[in-house]
Amino acid sequence: MIGATGPKMLALTGEIADGVVLNYCVPPAYNDRALEQLKKGADKAGRDIDSIDRPQ
């Protein structure tokens, strides 16, 4: 589980982590971009974004 905010850390999280804690005290557009970065990292590692736990 990694708490990530910035785009590079979110992409790395998608690559290596089993879960992510996103910041939900932000505009909805932030979360859309965060999930895009998370998917980018997951795709790079050949992982499915749905396998990454997001407990919010």
C-alpha atoms as a PDB file:
ATOM      1  CA  MET A   1       0.000   0.000   0.000  1.00  0.00           C
ATOM      2  CA  ILE A   2       1.423   3.364  -1.037  1.00  0.00           C
ATOM      3  CA  GLY A   3       0.012   6.839  -0.463  1.00  0.00           C
ATOM      4  CA  ALA A   4       0.721   8.764  -3.665  1.00  0.00           C
ATOM      5  CA  THR A   5      -0.119  12.247  -4.920  1.00  0.00           C
ATOM      6  CA  GLY A   6       2.187  13.256  -7.787  1.00  0.00           C
ATOM      7  CA  PRO A   7       2.057  11.773 -11.290  1.00  0.00           C
ATOM      8  CA  LYS A   8       5.431   9.980 -11.155  1.00  0.00           C
ATOM      9  CA  MET A   9       4.692   8.407  -7.784  1.00  0.00           C
ATOM     10  CA  LEU A  10       1.234   7.335  -8.962  1.00  0.00           C
ATOM     11  CA  ALA A  11       2.724   5.677 -12.054  1.00  0.00           C
ATOM     12  CA  LEU A  12       5.333   3.901  -9.909  1.00  0.00           C
ATOM     13  CA  THR A  13       2.583   2.794  -7.540  1.00  0.00           C
ATOM     14  CA  GLY A  14       0.687   1.276 -10.460  1.00  0.00           C
ATOM     15  CA  GLU A  15       3.844  -0.566 -11.408  1.00  0.00           C
ATOM     16  CA  ILE A  16       4.858  -2.056  -8.055  1.00  0.00           C
ATOM     17  CA  ALA A  17       2.234  -1.714  -5.325  1.00  0.00           C
ATOM     18  CA  ASP A  18      -0.663  -3.926  -4.317  1.00  0.00           C
ATOM     19  CA  GLY A  19      -2.691  -0.898  -3.223  1.00  0.00           C
ATOM     20  CA  VAL A  20      -2.881   2.884  -3.241  1.00  0.00           C
ATOM     21  CA  VAL A  21      -4.362   5.523  -0.966  1.00  0.00           C
ATOM     22  CA  LEU A  22      -5.453   8.472  -3.100  1.00  0.00           C
ATOM     23  CA  ASN A  23      -6.129  11.986  -1.850  1.00  0.00           C
ATOM     24  CA  TYR A  24      -9.890  12.505  -2.059  1.00  0.00           C
ATOM     25  CA  CYS A  25      -9.889  16.061  -0.661  1.00  0.00           C
ATOM     26  CA  VAL A  26      -9.343  17.371  -4.171  1.00  0.00           C
ATOM     27  CA  PRO A  27     -11.471  18.205  -7.219  1.00  0.00           C
ATOM     28  CA  PRO A  28     -12.830  15.205  -9.178  1.00  0.00           C
ATOM     29  CA  ALA A  29     -10.563  16.093 -12.119  1.00  0.00           C
ATOM     30  CA  TYR A  30      -7.533  15.317  -9.927  1.00  0.00           C
ATOM     31  CA  ASN A  31      -8.782  11.787  -9.300  1.00  0.00           C
ATOM     32  CA  ASP A  32      -9.335  11.228 -13.028  1.00  0.00           C
ATOM     33  CA  ARG A  33      -5.706  12.212 -13.716  1.00  0.00           C
ATOM     34  CA  ALA A  34      -4.475  10.150 -10.751  1.00  0.00           C
ATOM     35  CA  LEU A  35      -6.194   7.020 -12.052  1.00  0.00           C
ATOM     36  CA  GLU A  36      -4.739   7.647 -15.532  1.00  0.00           C
ATOM     37  CA  GLN A  37      -1.223   7.682 -14.043  1.00  0.00           C
ATOM     38  CA  LEU A  38      -1.946   4.617 -11.937  1.00  0.00           C
ATOM     39  CA  LYS A  39      -3.125   2.781 -15.079  1.00  0.00           C
ATOM     40  CA  LYS A  40      -0.046   3.945 -16.994  1.00  0.00           C
ATOM     41  CA  GLY A  41       2.210   2.293 -14.411  1.00  0.00           C
ATOM     42  CA  ALA A  42       0.072  -0.836 -14.234  1.00  0.00           C
ATOM     43  CA  ASP A  43       0.135  -1.171 -18.032  1.00  0.00           C
ATOM     44  CA  LYS A  44       3.930  -0.772 -18.042  1.00  0.00           C
ATOM     45  CA  ALA A  45       4.220  -3.710 -15.641  1.00  0.00           C
ATOM     46  CA  GLY A  46       1.610  -5.797 -17.486  1.00  0.00           C
ATOM     47  CA  ARG A  47      -0.837  -5.524 -14.591  1.00  0.00           C
ATOM     48  CA  ASP A  48      -4.577  -4.907 -14.480  1.00  0.00           C
ATOM     49  CA  ILE A  49      -5.483  -1.689 -12.651  1.00  0.00           C
ATOM     50  CA  ASP A  50      -8.373  -3.556 -11.013  1.00  0.00           C
ATOM     51  CA  SER A  51      -5.827  -5.689  -9.137  1.00  0.00           C
ATOM     52  CA  ILE A  52      -4.638  -2.576  -7.260  1.00  0.00           C
ATOM     53  CA  ASP A  53      -6.590  -2.061  -4.048  1.00  0.00           C
ATOM     54  CA  ARG A  54      -8.045   1.447  -3.606  1.00  0.00           C
ATOM     55  CA  PRO A  55      -9.724   1.443  -0.173  1.00  0.00           C
ATOM     56  CA  GLN A  56     -11.720   4.689  -0.350  1.00  0.00           C
END
